[in-house]
Amino acid sequence: MIDATIFFGSTEVPCTVSSISKIGACLVVQSTHGIPDVFEFAERDRPTCTCKVVWRDGTRLGVYFR
């Protein structure tokens, strides 16, 4: 798994990437509560990109890269 960070407003949420493709990823977080449907995402040493949530459960987010 890859360590990454979700950014929205002044909030940073650590996450891990359990799977990734050219169009999206599955992100694992402690809790999806409070994470908006659109946010910025960055893997370590990579540029930030905008993500849109396409599905969520208690600890995972399926996102599409915009």
C-alpha atoms as a PDB file:
ATOM      1  CA  MET A   1       0.000   0.000   0.000  1.00  0.00           C
ATOM      2  CA  ILE A   2       1.078   3.567  -0.725  1.00  0.00           C
ATOM      3  CA  ASP A   3       0.896   6.377   1.868  1.00  0.00           C
ATOM      4  CA  ALA A   4      -0.964   9.468   0.658  1.00  0.00           C
ATOM      5  CA  THR A   5      -2.937  12.480   1.921  1.00  0.00           C
ATOM      6  CA  ILE A   6      -6.432  13.845   1.271  1.00  0.00           C
ATOM      7  CA  PHE A   7      -6.738  17.667   1.414  1.00  0.00           C
ATOM      8  CA  PHE A   8      -9.899  19.793   1.753  1.00  0.00           C
ATOM      9  CA  GLY A   9     -10.045  23.275   3.187  1.00  0.00           C
ATOM     10  CA  SER A  10      -7.375  23.378   5.892  1.00  0.00           C
ATOM     11  CA  THR A  11      -7.877  19.686   6.704  1.00  0.00           C
ATOM     12  CA  GLU A  12      -5.397  16.924   5.885  1.00  0.00           C
ATOM     13  CA  VAL A  13      -6.440  13.280   6.204  1.00  0.00           C
ATOM     14  CA  PRO A  14      -3.790  10.568   5.965  1.00  0.00           C
ATOM     15  CA  CYS A  15      -4.742   7.607   3.806  1.00  0.00           C
ATOM     16  CA  THR A  16      -3.314   4.579   2.068  1.00  0.00           C
ATOM     17  CA  VAL A  17      -3.886   3.616  -1.547  1.00  0.00           C
ATOM     18  CA  SER A  18      -5.035  -0.007  -1.739  1.00  0.00           C
ATOM     19  CA  SER A  19      -5.392   0.021  -5.540  1.00  0.00           C
ATOM     20  CA  ILE A  20      -4.818   2.582  -8.258  1.00  0.00           C
ATOM     21  CA  SER A  21      -5.273   2.940 -12.019  1.00  0.00           C
ATOM     22  CA  LYS A  22      -4.958   5.747 -14.553  1.00  0.00           C
ATOM     23  CA  ILE A  23      -8.554   6.866 -13.869  1.00  0.00           C
ATOM     24  CA  GLY A  24      -9.048   6.287 -10.150  1.00  0.00           C
ATOM     25  CA  ALA A  25      -8.137   4.623  -6.888  1.00  0.00           C
ATOM     26  CA  CYS A  26      -9.382   2.973  -3.719  1.00  0.00           C
ATOM     27  CA  LEU A  27      -8.288   4.981  -0.681  1.00  0.00           C
ATOM     28  CA  VAL A  28      -8.339   3.596   2.858  1.00  0.00           C
ATOM     29  CA  VAL A  29      -8.910   6.054   5.720  1.00  0.00           C
ATOM     30  CA  GLN A  30      -9.676   5.752   9.424  1.00  0.00           C
ATOM     31  CA  SER A  31     -13.226   7.015   8.734  1.00  0.00           C
ATOM     32  CA  THR A  32     -14.938   8.438   5.646  1.00  0.00           C
ATOM     33  CA  HIS A  33     -17.192  10.610   7.846  1.00  0.00           C
ATOM     34  CA  GLY A  34     -16.696  14.288   7.020  1.00  0.00           C
ATOM     35  CA  ILE A  35     -14.703  13.747   3.833  1.00  0.00           C
ATOM     36  CA  PRO A  36     -16.421  15.708   1.026  1.00  0.00           C
ATOM     37  CA  ASP A  37     -17.351  14.289  -2.389  1.00  0.00           C
ATOM     38  CA  VAL A  38     -14.606  16.324  -4.113  1.00  0.00           C
ATOM     39  CA  PHE A  39     -11.138  16.851  -2.639  1.00  0.00           C
ATOM     40  CA  GLU A  40      -7.447  17.136  -3.473  1.00  0.00           C
ATOM     41  CA  PHE A  41      -5.267  14.047  -3.191  1.00  0.00           C
ATOM     42  CA  ALA A  42      -1.493  13.564  -3.226  1.00  0.00           C
ATOM     43  CA  GLU A  43       0.764  10.558  -3.066  1.00  0.00           C
ATOM     44  CA  ARG A  44       4.194  11.099  -1.574  1.00  0.00           C
ATOM     45  CA  ASP A  45       6.487  12.956  -4.033  1.00  0.00           C
ATOM     46  CA  ARG A  46       3.744  13.405  -6.675  1.00  0.00           C
ATOM     47  CA  PRO A  47       1.649  16.416  -7.722  1.00  0.00           C
ATOM     48  CA  THR A  48      -1.780  16.974  -6.166  1.00  0.00           C
ATOM     49  CA  CYS A  49      -4.832  16.002  -8.211  1.00  0.00           C
ATOM     50  CA  THR A  50      -8.581  16.537  -7.766  1.00  0.00           C
ATOM     51  CA  CYS A  51     -10.680  13.461  -6.951  1.00  0.00           C
ATOM     52  CA  LYS A  52     -14.431  12.802  -7.026  1.00  0.00           C
ATOM     53  CA  VAL A  53     -15.861  10.110  -4.752  1.00  0.00           C
ATOM     54  CA  VAL A  54     -17.870   7.515  -6.683  1.00  0.00           C
ATOM     55  CA  TRP A  55     -18.501   5.181  -3.737  1.00  0.00           C
ATOM     56  CA  ARG A  56     -17.720   4.992  -0.039  1.00  0.00           C
ATOM     57  CA  ASP A  57     -18.113   2.713   2.943  1.00  0.00           C
ATOM     58  CA  GLY A  58     -16.941   3.151   6.536  1.00  0.00           C
ATOM     59  CA  THR A  59     -13.196   3.148   5.836  1.00  0.00           C
ATOM     60  CA  ARG A  60     -12.769   3.159   2.039  1.00  0.00           C
ATOM     61  CA  LEU A  61     -13.331   5.674  -0.773  1.00  0.00           C
ATOM     62  CA  GLY A  62     -13.536   4.803  -4.449  1.00  0.00           C
ATOM     63  CA  VAL A  63     -12.420   7.896  -6.345  1.00  0.00           C
ATOM     64  CA  TYR A  64     -12.225   9.070  -9.936  1.00  0.00           C
ATOM     65  CA  PHE A  65      -9.343  11.359 -10.932  1.00  0.00           C
ATOM     66  CA  ARG A  66     -10.597  14.613 -12.521  1.00  0.00           C
END
